Amino acid sequence: MNEQEILNNETTLRDYLRVLFRHKAVMLVTVLTVCFTVFVGLKLKTKVYEAQVKMLISAEKQVEAPYYKEFYGSRNVQQTLTQSEIVKSMPVLSRVVRALHLDKRPLDDEKNYSSKLKAKIIEYRTAALKRKLARLTPEERRFLLFRMAVENLKKNIKVEPIRDTNMFTISVRDYNPVGAAVIANVVSRAYVIFDLEQQLAELRLKYGEKHPTIKLINENISRLKKTLSGEPLDDIEAIGPASVKIIEQASVPMKPVGTPKIITFIIAVIMSIFLAIMLAFIFEYADQTFKLPQEIEKTLNLPFLGSIPKRRLGDRLLLHNMNRRSPYVNFYRIISDQLYILLKDKKIKSILITSTEAKEGTSAIVANLGIYLSQKAGHKVLLIDANLRYPSLHKLFKLKTMSSPKKVEGQRKRKMSKTMHLSSENSLGLAGILEGNATLKDVVKHVDKKLDVIEAGTTDLNPVILLDSSNMDKMLKQAYEEYEIILIDCPNLRGNKDAVIVSSHVDATVIVINEGKVRRQVIQNAIRPLKDKDKRILGVILNNRTFPIPRLIYDHI
């Protein structure tokens, strides 16, 4: 990815795509989770068919009855709703259950219409119910099954008034489309029978048992009871003499209720994508770490010197890949060129490179910059490991370290060896210079033709006291005469005051920030001592930077 990006505040398509690709894992998990959940939910949902009967509350009948004439004209919505609730009453539903033997249905009847996944659950529930029924007496078992059938039927019946009319609909749902139509017709007829029985009771009180109207109603009740099989009737016969009439009988539904499963799944996929995008942007704006050069310049008000991409597994020090086509060479070239321009323009020779947190990769950056500036740019470079607490430059360059003279002397006495001796190869490092036990020439180790390294060495003294000594200035003054560029590695700013002390001895400081690791407020607080003391901060290097947008897409947008 080209590092020469335009650092402006304008939001471009790349900015949006960068957010999406950076959080692609979150988006993928979100989409898969939602789609999988919906898919399982659809598998657990058995298709249900709905049959509908249309009813009319007329308050009239073919046989004249003063009671119903009085009732006519006083109807309202509340009366319609009252009649609707009667449909779901126990007397009506009990008659339906007995007529269709719904309590004799297999307990796992739904399994015949469900998916294999739902069938497993039905089998488990059925087995548990059978164990419960086995503990009951035959009479208790019959009563429980009957009540369960009534409650299940009640749950699957919906009664709705038709607006601005005296009509309402009775809707019945069932897994079997034919069964739904049969049950809906029987429910409507059972309701009409219940209405006729109410008429009969009223007329008996008014006229007695031998009135012709009472005989006619009894005949109608008997005739309707014979139709409780659910078979379709002639329209005239279905209307009947009751004050509630069947206007339209139920027919077998052709399609299941609700949105088709494939449409539901497609909608779920689309919605999951929107949800994933929304979560990606929420995560992005909730993240208070630095991820882009624009954020560094805007928040810290410091120049952006360049970035180093995230190291892949197996990547080694740039020294081993300098003559090959390493993807890191170009990034170090940009930083090195920019540093050299700043050094020349501001007449700077020594640069402290530090970070705000531990394990930010500062030592590797110091080493690689030294390698590039010496090998490719041809400058004479000195690298100094000022991390007296946790030194690492000697590990990167595989330098042999040496202990202090006292420890060496103790080892010599214990081993009684005449072969051990101090030499330029076993130097004391920076600690030796600061303690006054060695000179610059004694501790310098040659890594390459134009690259030298001073390792940290070991000391029993407080590093802060050593680094703030006058020997530090003397050593740097001598180094200025021999080297063009001096890069100093130092502990992080938050852990201790070492970096702040060293910054007072060098010409400038460079801050290393790891992408997406440390919050902005923490970094601002960490570098505040440098700003408060007017220490020159050249800029910021963004380490372990990721480029989420694939190159093929990036180049075309």
Protein backbone atom coordinates (compact mmCIF):
# COMPACT_ATOMS: atom_id res chain seq x y z
CA MET A 1 0.00 0.00 0.00
CA ASN A 2 1.39 3.41 -0.91
CA GLU A 3 2.27 5.48 2.16
CA GLN A 4 1.88 8.80 0.38
CA GLU A 5 -1.72 9.36 1.43
CA ILE A 6 -3.53 12.66 1.45
CA LEU A 7 -3.84 13.75 5.07
CA ASN A 8 -7.02 15.76 5.04
CA ASN A 9 -10.29 15.87 6.95
CA GLU A 10 -12.50 14.92 4.01
CA THR A 11 -14.31 11.63 4.32
CA THR A 12 -13.94 9.47 1.23
CA LEU A 13 -15.21 6.10 0.09
CA ARG A 14 -11.92 4.61 1.23
CA ASP A 15 -12.62 5.73 4.79
CA TYR A 16 -15.93 3.86 4.85
CA LEU A 17 -14.45 0.78 3.22
CA ARG A 18 -11.53 0.87 5.63
CA VAL A 19 -13.96 0.62 8.55
CA LEU A 20 -15.80 -2.29 6.97
CA PHE A 21 -12.69 -4.26 6.06
CA ARG A 22 -11.06 -3.55 9.44
CA HIS A 23 -14.04 -5.06 11.24
CA LYS A 24 -14.74 -7.77 8.69
CA ALA A 25 -14.42 -10.46 11.37
CA VAL A 26 -17.17 -8.81 13.44
CA MET A 27 -19.32 -8.39 10.36
CA LEU A 28 -18.82 -11.98 9.26
CA VAL A 29 -19.68 -13.32 12.71
CA THR A 30 -22.76 -11.08 12.86
CA VAL A 31 -24.06 -12.15 9.46
CA LEU A 32 -23.40 -15.83 10.11
CA THR A 33 -24.95 -15.68 13.58
CA VAL A 34 -28.11 -13.94 12.41
CA CYS A 35 -28.50 -16.15 9.34
CA PHE A 36 -27.86 -19.31 11.30
CA THR A 37 -30.33 -18.27 14.01
CA VAL A 38 -33.02 -17.44 11.46
CA PHE A 39 -32.32 -20.66 9.55
CA VAL A 40 -32.70 -22.76 12.69
CA GLY A 41 -35.78 -20.77 13.67
CA LEU A 42 -37.37 -21.47 10.29
CA LYS A 43 -36.51 -25.14 10.62
CA LEU A 44 -38.19 -25.21 14.02
CA LYS A 45 -41.28 -23.52 12.64
CA THR A 46 -43.86 -25.90 11.24
CA LYS A 47 -46.00 -24.66 8.36
CA VAL A 48 -49.46 -23.64 9.54
CA TYR A 49 -52.55 -23.24 7.37
CA GLU A 50 -55.46 -20.96 8.20
CA ALA A 51 -59.10 -21.47 7.21
CA GLN A 52 -61.70 -18.75 7.72
CA VAL A 53 -65.47 -18.65 8.20
CA LYS A 54 -67.41 -15.41 7.87
CA MET A 55 -70.29 -14.92 10.32
CA LEU A 56 -73.17 -12.43 10.55
CA ILE A 57 -74.97 -11.29 13.70
CA SER A 58 -78.46 -10.60 12.35
CA ALA A 59 -80.61 -10.83 15.52
CA GLU A 60 -83.32 -12.12 13.15
CA LYS A 61 -84.58 -15.53 12.25
CA GLN A 62 -87.05 -17.01 9.86
CA VAL A 63 -89.40 -17.89 12.69
CA GLU A 64 -90.82 -14.73 14.26
CA ALA A 65 -89.93 -14.19 17.90
CA PRO A 66 -90.69 -10.96 19.78
CA TYR A 67 -87.56 -11.42 21.88
CA TYR A 68 -85.34 -11.11 18.84
CA LYS A 69 -87.35 -8.24 17.42
CA GLU A 70 -86.68 -6.39 20.64
CA PHE A 71 -83.00 -7.29 20.43
CA TYR A 72 -82.78 -5.99 16.85
CA GLY A 73 -81.79 -2.33 16.61
CA SER A 74 -79.82 -2.28 19.85
CA ARG A 75 -76.72 -3.87 18.39
CA ASN A 76 -73.32 -2.19 18.66
CA VAL A 77 -69.66 -3.07 18.51
CA GLN A 78 -69.63 -4.35 22.09
CA GLN A 79 -72.39 -6.83 21.27
CA THR A 80 -70.43 -8.01 18.25
CA LEU A 81 -67.35 -8.51 20.38
CA THR A 82 -69.42 -10.34 22.97
CA GLN A 83 -70.67 -12.77 20.35
CA SER A 84 -67.11 -13.17 19.14
CA GLU A 85 -65.93 -14.20 22.59
CA ILE A 86 -68.71 -16.79 22.78
CA VAL A 87 -67.04 -18.59 19.86
CA LYS A 88 -64.03 -19.31 22.10
CA SER A 89 -66.13 -20.33 25.09
CA MET A 90 -65.86 -23.75 26.67
CA PRO A 91 -69.33 -25.02 25.57
CA VAL A 92 -68.58 -24.32 21.90
CA LEU A 93 -65.03 -25.67 21.88
CA SER A 94 -65.93 -28.75 23.92
CA ARG A 95 -68.56 -29.67 21.33
CA VAL A 96 -65.94 -29.29 18.55
CA VAL A 97 -63.38 -31.45 20.35
CA ARG A 98 -65.95 -34.22 20.93
CA ALA A 99 -67.29 -34.04 17.41
CA LEU A 100 -63.87 -34.28 15.72
CA HIS A 101 -62.22 -36.44 18.43
CA LEU A 102 -59.38 -33.93 18.70
CA ASP A 103 -58.45 -35.39 22.08
CA LYS A 104 -57.72 -38.69 20.31
CA ARG A 105 -55.13 -37.16 18.00
CA PRO A 106 -51.60 -38.60 18.34
CA LEU A 107 -49.51 -36.58 20.77
CA ASP A 108 -46.79 -36.22 18.15
CA ASP A 109 -49.16 -35.35 15.30
CA GLU A 110 -47.13 -32.24 14.43
CA LYS A 111 -44.15 -34.45 13.60
CA ASN A 112 -45.87 -35.52 10.38
CA TYR A 113 -45.67 -31.95 9.07
CA SER A 114 -42.47 -30.62 10.66
CA SER A 115 -38.79 -30.70 9.72
CA LYS A 116 -36.44 -33.38 10.99
CA LEU A 117 -34.92 -30.97 13.49
CA LYS A 118 -38.29 -30.02 14.94
CA ALA A 119 -39.32 -33.69 14.92
CA LYS A 120 -36.52 -34.48 17.38
CA ILE A 121 -37.83 -31.84 19.77
CA ILE A 122 -41.41 -33.10 19.35
CA GLU A 123 -40.28 -36.63 20.15
CA TYR A 124 -38.57 -35.42 23.31
CA ARG A 125 -41.63 -33.45 24.47
CA THR A 126 -43.97 -36.32 23.61
CA ALA A 127 -41.89 -38.79 25.59
CA ALA A 128 -41.98 -36.47 28.61
CA LEU A 129 -45.77 -36.08 28.30
CA LYS A 130 -46.26 -39.83 27.99
CA ARG A 131 -44.30 -40.36 31.18
CA LYS A 132 -46.56 -37.85 32.90
CA LEU A 133 -49.73 -39.52 31.56
CA ALA A 134 -48.49 -42.95 32.64
CA ARG A 135 -48.66 -41.84 36.28
CA LEU A 136 -52.39 -40.92 35.98
CA THR A 137 -55.50 -43.04 36.22
CA PRO A 138 -57.45 -43.71 32.97
CA GLU A 139 -60.11 -41.19 34.01
CA GLU A 140 -57.55 -38.53 34.83
CA ARG A 141 -55.73 -39.26 31.58
CA ARG A 142 -58.92 -38.77 29.50
CA PHE A 143 -59.77 -35.55 31.33
CA LEU A 144 -56.26 -34.13 30.87
CA LEU A 145 -56.12 -34.99 27.17
CA PHE A 146 -59.56 -33.44 26.64
CA ARG A 147 -58.59 -30.22 28.39
CA MET A 148 -55.32 -30.08 26.45
CA ALA A 149 -57.25 -30.48 23.18
CA VAL A 150 -59.66 -27.66 24.15
CA GLU A 151 -56.83 -25.32 25.16
CA ASN A 152 -54.86 -26.09 22.01
CA LEU A 153 -57.95 -25.42 19.88
CA LYS A 154 -58.62 -22.17 21.73
CA LYS A 155 -55.03 -21.11 21.10
CA ASN A 156 -55.42 -21.68 17.37
CA ILE A 157 -58.72 -19.80 16.98
CA LYS A 158 -58.83 -16.11 16.23
CA VAL A 159 -62.06 -14.12 16.14
CA GLU A 160 -61.98 -10.67 14.55
CA PRO A 161 -64.86 -8.22 13.93
CA ILE A 162 -65.14 -6.79 10.43
CA ARG A 163 -65.05 -3.02 10.74
CA ASP A 164 -68.28 -1.04 10.25
CA THR A 165 -70.37 -4.23 9.88
CA ASN A 166 -72.24 -6.73 12.03
CA MET A 167 -69.96 -9.43 10.76
CA PHE A 168 -66.88 -11.15 12.10
CA THR A 169 -64.54 -13.90 11.00
CA ILE A 170 -63.55 -17.13 12.72
CA SER A 171 -60.04 -18.17 11.72
CA VAL A 172 -58.63 -21.57 12.62
CA ARG A 173 -55.04 -22.68 12.19
CA ASP A 174 -53.78 -26.21 11.80
CA TYR A 175 -50.79 -28.03 10.37
CA ASN A 176 -53.10 -29.82 7.92
CA PRO A 177 -54.87 -27.51 5.43
CA VAL A 178 -57.85 -29.85 5.16
CA GLY A 179 -57.99 -30.15 8.93
CA ALA A 180 -57.99 -26.36 9.28
CA ALA A 181 -61.03 -26.05 6.98
CA VAL A 182 -62.91 -28.88 8.75
CA ILE A 183 -62.26 -27.44 12.22
CA ALA A 184 -63.28 -23.93 11.12
CA ASN A 185 -66.60 -25.21 9.72
CA VAL A 186 -67.32 -27.27 12.82
CA VAL A 187 -66.50 -24.35 15.13
CA SER A 188 -68.91 -22.08 13.23
CA ARG A 189 -71.68 -24.70 13.33
CA ALA A 190 -71.09 -25.43 17.01
CA TYR A 191 -71.39 -21.71 17.62
CA VAL A 192 -74.71 -21.60 15.71
CA ILE A 193 -75.96 -24.59 17.74
CA PHE A 194 -74.98 -22.77 20.95
CA ASP A 195 -76.92 -19.70 19.75
CA LEU A 196 -79.99 -21.82 18.96
CA GLU A 197 -79.76 -23.43 22.39
CA GLN A 198 -79.76 -19.96 23.93
CA GLN A 199 -82.88 -19.09 21.89
CA LEU A 200 -84.48 -22.33 22.98
CA ALA A 201 -83.89 -21.58 26.64
CA GLU A 202 -85.39 -18.10 26.30
CA LEU A 203 -88.45 -19.31 24.39
CA ARG A 204 -89.13 -22.11 26.86
CA LEU A 205 -89.38 -19.56 29.61
CA LYS A 206 -91.76 -17.47 27.52
CA TYR A 207 -93.94 -20.03 25.68
CA GLY A 208 -93.41 -23.41 27.32
CA GLU A 209 -92.35 -26.73 25.81
CA LYS A 210 -95.16 -27.24 23.24
CA HIS A 211 -94.78 -24.03 21.27
CA PRO A 212 -94.20 -24.63 17.48
CA THR A 213 -91.16 -22.38 17.52
CA ILE A 214 -89.51 -24.53 20.15
CA LYS A 215 -90.12 -27.65 18.04
CA LEU A 216 -88.63 -25.94 14.97
CA ILE A 217 -85.52 -24.88 16.89
CA ASN A 218 -85.07 -28.41 18.24
CA GLU A 219 -85.25 -29.77 14.71
CA ASN A 220 -82.65 -27.26 13.52
CA ILE A 221 -80.35 -28.15 16.41
CA SER A 222 -80.63 -31.86 15.59
CA ARG A 223 -79.97 -31.20 11.92
CA LEU A 224 -76.89 -29.08 12.65
CA LYS A 225 -75.49 -31.67 15.05
CA LYS A 226 -75.40 -34.12 12.14
CA THR A 227 -73.20 -31.68 10.17
CA LEU A 228 -70.45 -31.51 12.81
CA SER A 229 -68.26 -33.72 10.67
CA GLY A 230 -67.12 -30.54 8.92
CA GLU A 231 -68.30 -31.45 5.43
CA PRO A 232 -69.35 -28.44 3.29
CA LEU A 233 -73.07 -27.57 3.25
CA ASP A 234 -75.30 -25.79 0.79
CA ASP A 235 -75.19 -22.05 1.33
CA ILE A 236 -78.89 -21.84 2.19
CA GLU A 237 -78.60 -24.72 4.66
CA ALA A 238 -75.50 -23.18 6.22
CA ILE A 239 -77.25 -19.86 6.87
CA GLY A 240 -79.81 -21.41 9.21
CA PRO A 241 -82.46 -19.76 11.41
CA ALA A 242 -80.19 -18.59 14.23
CA SER A 243 -79.52 -14.97 15.11
CA VAL A 244 -75.91 -15.63 14.02
CA LYS A 245 -75.54 -16.90 10.49
CA ILE A 246 -72.76 -18.51 8.46
CA ILE A 247 -72.30 -16.21 5.50
CA GLU A 248 -69.23 -17.89 4.02
CA GLN A 249 -68.01 -21.40 4.84
CA ALA A 250 -64.33 -22.29 5.17
CA SER A 251 -62.47 -23.65 2.18
CA VAL A 252 -59.20 -25.56 2.14
CA PRO A 253 -56.32 -23.00 2.21
CA MET A 254 -53.82 -23.30 -0.62
CA LYS A 255 -50.82 -21.59 1.05
CA PRO A 256 -49.47 -21.62 4.59
CA VAL A 257 -49.83 -18.57 6.81
CA GLY A 258 -47.10 -15.96 6.86
CA THR A 259 -44.22 -14.99 4.62
CA PRO A 260 -42.60 -17.84 2.65
CA LYS A 261 -39.51 -19.17 4.38
CA ILE A 262 -37.19 -18.35 1.49
CA ILE A 263 -38.37 -14.71 1.54
CA THR A 264 -37.94 -14.58 5.32
CA PHE A 265 -34.40 -15.93 5.01
CA ILE A 266 -33.50 -13.43 2.27
CA ILE A 267 -34.81 -10.59 4.43
CA ALA A 268 -32.78 -11.95 7.35
CA VAL A 269 -29.62 -11.96 5.22
CA ILE A 270 -30.22 -8.36 4.13
CA MET A 271 -30.98 -7.21 7.68
CA SER A 272 -27.94 -9.05 9.05
CA ILE A 273 -25.73 -7.19 6.59
CA PHE A 274 -27.18 -3.86 7.74
CA LEU A 275 -26.69 -4.91 11.36
CA ALA A 276 -23.11 -5.97 10.66
CA ILE A 277 -22.34 -2.62 8.99
CA MET A 278 -23.88 -0.75 11.91
CA LEU A 279 -21.83 -2.76 14.43
CA ALA A 280 -18.66 -2.15 12.42
CA PHE A 281 -19.12 1.62 12.63
CA ILE A 282 -20.10 1.43 16.32
CA PHE A 283 -16.93 -0.51 17.09
CA GLU A 284 -14.89 1.89 14.99
CA TYR A 285 -16.10 5.04 16.71
CA ALA A 286 -16.01 3.44 20.15
CA ASP A 287 -12.35 2.55 19.64
CA GLN A 288 -10.23 5.33 21.15
CA THR A 289 -6.91 4.13 19.77
CA PHE A 290 -4.96 5.51 16.80
CA LYS A 291 -5.40 3.74 13.48
CA LEU A 292 -4.80 6.42 10.84
CA PRO A 293 -2.23 9.18 10.22
CA GLN A 294 -5.03 11.75 10.10
CA GLU A 295 -6.02 10.89 13.66
CA ILE A 296 -2.44 11.34 14.90
CA GLU A 297 -2.00 14.77 13.32
CA LYS A 298 -5.42 15.98 14.40
CA THR A 299 -5.32 14.73 18.01
CA LEU A 300 -1.64 15.05 18.95
CA ASN A 301 -0.81 17.98 16.69
CA LEU A 302 2.41 16.21 15.72
CA PRO A 303 3.80 15.41 12.26
CA PHE A 304 3.30 11.93 10.90
CA LEU A 305 6.67 10.51 9.84
CA GLY A 306 5.48 7.22 8.39
CA SER A 307 4.22 3.80 9.31
CA ILE A 308 5.52 0.26 9.59
CA PRO A 309 3.14 -2.54 8.55
CA LYS A 310 2.28 -5.31 10.95
CA ARG A 311 4.95 -7.98 10.92
CA ARG A 312 3.92 -11.35 9.65
CA LEU A 313 4.89 -14.60 11.30
CA GLY A 314 8.42 -15.48 10.24
CA ASP A 315 9.49 -11.93 9.33
CA ARG A 316 12.96 -11.18 10.64
CA LEU A 317 15.11 -8.12 11.16
CA LEU A 318 15.38 -6.04 8.00
CA LEU A 319 19.11 -6.69 8.00
CA HIS A 320 18.46 -10.22 6.66
CA ASN A 321 16.11 -9.03 3.93
CA MET A 322 17.80 -5.80 2.84
CA ASN A 323 19.04 -7.24 -0.44
CA ARG A 324 15.73 -8.96 -1.15
CA ARG A 325 12.35 -7.60 -2.08
CA SER A 326 11.08 -7.10 1.45
CA PRO A 327 7.68 -5.37 1.74
CA TYR A 328 9.11 -3.35 4.63
CA VAL A 329 11.97 -1.72 2.72
CA ASN A 330 9.75 0.91 1.12
CA PHE A 331 8.21 1.91 4.44
CA TYR A 332 11.62 2.30 6.09
CA ARG A 333 12.81 4.25 3.04
CA ILE A 334 10.00 6.78 3.47
CA ILE A 335 10.68 7.22 7.19
CA SER A 336 14.47 7.36 6.68
CA ASP A 337 14.22 9.94 3.93
CA GLN A 338 11.88 12.09 5.98
CA LEU A 339 14.09 11.81 9.05
CA TYR A 340 17.20 12.72 7.08
CA ILE A 341 15.50 15.82 5.63
CA LEU A 342 14.47 16.92 9.11
CA LEU A 343 17.95 16.23 10.50
CA LYS A 344 19.59 18.25 7.76
CA ASP A 345 17.07 21.07 7.89
CA LYS A 346 17.06 21.43 11.68
CA LYS A 347 20.74 20.51 12.09
CA ILE A 348 19.95 17.53 14.26
CA LYS A 349 22.20 14.53 14.82
CA SER A 350 20.79 12.59 17.78
CA ILE A 351 17.23 11.26 17.97
CA LEU A 352 15.58 9.50 20.89
CA ILE A 353 13.05 6.91 19.73
CA THR A 354 10.61 5.87 22.44
CA SER A 355 7.02 4.72 22.88
CA THR A 356 4.16 5.29 25.30
CA GLU A 357 3.76 1.65 26.34
CA ALA A 358 5.97 -1.41 26.66
CA LYS A 359 6.31 -3.84 23.76
CA GLU A 360 5.57 -1.26 21.07
CA GLY A 361 8.40 -2.55 18.85
CA THR A 362 10.67 0.48 19.35
CA SER A 363 13.91 -1.52 19.40
CA ALA A 364 13.13 -3.20 16.07
CA ILE A 365 12.36 0.18 14.49
CA VAL A 366 15.63 1.66 15.79
CA ALA A 367 17.58 -1.31 14.46
CA ASN A 368 15.88 -1.31 11.05
CA LEU A 369 16.21 2.45 10.59
CA GLY A 370 19.90 2.18 11.43
CA ILE A 371 20.33 -0.62 8.92
CA TYR A 372 18.56 1.27 6.14
CA LEU A 373 20.27 4.61 6.80
CA SER A 374 23.70 2.95 6.79
CA GLN A 375 23.32 0.38 4.00
CA LYS A 376 20.95 2.09 1.56
CA ALA A 377 21.40 5.77 2.34
CA GLY A 378 25.12 5.48 3.05
CA HIS A 379 25.15 7.43 6.32
CA LYS A 380 27.42 6.58 9.21
CA VAL A 381 25.00 5.58 11.97
CA LEU A 382 25.40 4.83 15.66
CA LEU A 383 22.67 2.96 17.56
CA ILE A 384 22.61 3.33 21.34
CA ASP A 385 20.58 1.06 23.60
CA ALA A 386 19.64 3.36 26.50
CA ASN A 387 17.16 0.85 27.90
CA LEU A 388 19.22 -0.12 30.95
CA ARG A 389 16.24 -1.94 32.44
CA TYR A 390 15.23 -4.27 29.63
CA PRO A 391 17.84 -4.02 26.83
CA SER A 392 17.10 -5.72 23.52
CA LEU A 393 19.30 -4.28 20.74
CA HIS A 394 22.03 -6.84 21.47
CA LYS A 395 19.46 -9.62 20.91
CA LEU A 396 18.36 -8.21 17.57
CA PHE A 397 21.92 -7.98 16.31
CA LYS A 398 22.96 -11.13 18.21
CA LEU A 399 25.76 -9.30 20.04
CA LYS A 400 27.68 -10.97 22.82
CA THR A 401 27.15 -9.16 26.11
CA MET A 402 29.50 -8.78 29.06
CA SER A 403 28.96 -8.27 32.78
CA SER A 404 30.59 -5.63 34.98
CA PRO A 405 34.29 -5.94 35.98
CA LYS A 406 33.36 -6.93 39.54
CA LYS A 407 31.23 -9.84 38.34
CA VAL A 408 33.94 -10.90 35.90
CA GLU A 409 36.53 -10.82 38.65
CA GLY A 410 34.31 -12.97 40.88
CA GLN A 411 33.87 -15.50 38.12
CA ARG A 412 37.63 -15.50 37.50
CA LYS A 413 38.36 -16.27 41.15
CA ARG A 414 35.71 -18.95 41.45
CA LYS A 415 36.74 -20.77 38.30
CA MET A 416 40.45 -20.07 38.77
CA SER A 417 40.63 -19.55 35.07
CA LYS A 418 43.45 -17.68 33.35
CA THR A 419 41.75 -17.54 30.03
CA MET A 420 39.00 -15.02 30.84
CA HIS A 421 39.84 -11.41 30.05
CA LEU A 422 38.18 -8.16 29.03
CA SER A 423 38.43 -7.09 25.44
CA SER A 424 36.73 -4.80 22.99
CA GLU A 425 34.47 -7.69 22.05
CA ASN A 426 33.20 -8.06 25.62
CA SER A 427 32.48 -4.38 26.29
CA LEU A 428 30.64 -2.85 29.20
CA GLY A 429 28.10 -1.03 27.04
CA LEU A 430 26.42 2.33 27.78
CA ALA A 431 26.33 1.58 31.50
CA GLY A 432 30.14 1.36 31.54
CA ILE A 433 30.48 4.78 29.90
CA LEU A 434 27.99 6.41 32.28
CA GLU A 435 29.71 4.84 35.30
CA GLY A 436 33.07 6.09 34.03
CA ASN A 437 34.53 2.61 33.54
CA ALA A 438 34.86 2.77 29.75
CA THR A 439 35.12 5.11 26.82
CA LEU A 440 33.13 5.33 23.59
CA LYS A 441 35.84 3.45 21.74
CA ASP A 442 35.77 0.61 24.30
CA VAL A 443 32.05 -0.12 23.97
CA VAL A 444 31.30 0.44 20.27
CA LYS A 445 30.61 -2.75 18.34
CA HIS A 446 30.80 -2.81 14.59
CA VAL A 447 27.78 -4.40 12.91
CA ASP A 448 28.35 -3.22 9.38
CA LYS A 449 30.67 -0.97 7.42
CA LYS A 450 28.80 2.18 8.45
CA LEU A 451 26.73 0.88 11.34
CA ASP A 452 27.88 0.69 14.96
CA VAL A 453 25.97 -0.31 18.08
CA ILE A 454 26.42 0.45 21.76
CA GLU A 455 24.59 -2.09 23.85
CA ALA A 456 23.03 -1.16 27.18
CA GLY A 457 25.32 -3.11 29.47
CA THR A 458 24.50 -3.88 33.08
CA THR A 459 24.54 -1.76 36.22
CA ASP A 460 23.50 -1.93 39.86
CA LEU A 461 22.80 1.80 39.99
CA ASN A 462 19.52 3.58 39.35
CA PRO A 463 19.22 4.06 35.56
CA VAL A 464 17.63 7.50 36.02
CA ILE A 465 20.71 8.76 37.89
CA LEU A 466 23.09 7.28 35.32
CA LEU A 467 21.24 8.65 32.29
CA ASP A 468 21.14 12.12 33.81
CA SER A 469 24.88 12.23 34.44
CA SER A 470 27.32 14.52 32.66
CA ASN A 471 28.95 11.45 31.10
CA MET A 472 25.91 11.14 28.83
CA ASP A 473 26.59 14.58 27.33
CA LYS A 474 30.30 13.84 26.97
CA MET A 475 29.63 10.56 25.20
CA LEU A 476 27.15 12.17 22.79
CA LYS A 477 29.50 15.06 22.09
CA GLN A 478 32.23 12.61 21.12
CA ALA A 479 29.78 10.61 19.00
CA TYR A 480 28.71 13.74 17.10
CA GLU A 481 32.25 14.02 15.74
CA GLU A 482 32.33 10.46 14.40
CA TYR A 483 28.76 9.77 13.24
CA GLU A 484 26.22 11.50 11.01
CA ILE A 485 23.15 10.07 12.71
CA ILE A 486 22.70 8.77 16.26
CA LEU A 487 19.54 6.80 17.10
CA ILE A 488 18.82 6.04 20.76
CA ASP A 489 16.47 3.33 21.99
CA CYS A 490 14.87 4.04 25.37
CA PRO A 491 12.19 2.59 27.72
CA ASN A 492 8.58 3.67 27.27
CA LEU A 493 7.28 6.94 28.68
CA ARG A 494 4.68 5.47 31.02
CA GLY A 495 6.87 2.91 32.74
CA ASN A 496 9.48 5.31 34.14
CA LYS A 497 11.22 8.66 33.64
CA ASP A 498 14.20 7.34 31.65
CA ALA A 499 12.93 8.64 28.29
CA VAL A 500 12.19 12.10 29.69
CA ILE A 501 15.74 12.26 31.14
CA VAL A 502 17.38 11.13 27.90
CA SER A 503 15.29 13.60 25.89
CA SER A 504 17.07 16.45 27.66
CA HIS A 505 20.42 15.21 26.28
CA VAL A 506 19.44 14.63 22.64
CA ASP A 507 18.44 16.94 19.82
CA ALA A 508 14.95 15.55 19.17
CA THR A 509 12.50 12.79 19.99
CA VAL A 510 10.35 10.45 17.86
CA ILE A 511 7.29 8.73 19.35
CA VAL A 512 6.31 5.21 18.28
CA ILE A 513 2.62 4.33 18.53
CA ASN A 514 1.17 0.90 17.88
CA GLU A 515 -2.00 0.89 15.83
CA GLY A 516 -5.08 -0.02 17.84
CA LYS A 517 -3.23 -0.69 21.10
CA VAL A 518 -3.12 2.35 23.39
CA ARG A 519 -5.98 4.80 23.92
CA ARG A 520 -5.52 8.36 22.72
CA GLN A 521 -5.92 9.87 26.19
CA VAL A 522 -3.16 7.63 27.56
CA ILE A 523 -0.78 8.68 24.77
CA GLN A 524 -1.58 12.36 25.29
CA ASN A 525 -0.81 12.06 29.00
CA ALA A 526 2.39 10.10 28.32
CA ILE A 527 3.92 12.66 25.96
CA ARG A 528 2.79 15.69 27.99
CA PRO A 529 6.07 15.84 30.01
CA LEU A 530 8.01 16.15 26.75
CA LYS A 531 5.77 18.97 25.54
CA ASP A 532 5.77 20.73 28.91
CA LYS A 533 9.59 20.82 28.93
CA ASP A 534 9.65 22.07 25.33
CA LYS A 535 11.47 18.98 24.12
CA ARG A 536 11.60 18.88 20.35
CA ILE A 537 9.31 16.10 19.07
CA LEU A 538 9.98 15.45 15.39
CA GLY A 539 6.87 13.36 14.89
CA VAL A 540 5.18 10.01 15.23
CA ILE A 541 5.78 6.61 13.65
CA LEU A 542 2.69 4.37 13.45
CA ASN A 543 3.86 0.82 14.05
CA ASN A 544 2.13 -2.47 13.26
CA ARG A 545 -0.16 -0.66 10.87
CA THR A 546 -2.73 -2.68 9.00
CA PHE A 547 -4.11 -1.95 5.56
CA PRO A 548 -7.51 -3.63 5.64
CA ILE A 549 -8.60 -2.68 2.11
CA PRO A 550 -7.27 -5.21 -0.44
CA ARG A 551 -4.84 -3.68 -2.90
CA LEU A 552 -7.02 -4.58 -5.90
CA ILE A 553 -9.93 -2.60 -4.45
CA TYR A 554 -7.77 0.18 -3.02
CA ASP A 555 -6.24 0.98 -6.40
CA HIS A 556 -9.63 1.40 -8.07
CA ILE A 557 -11.43 3.66 -5.61
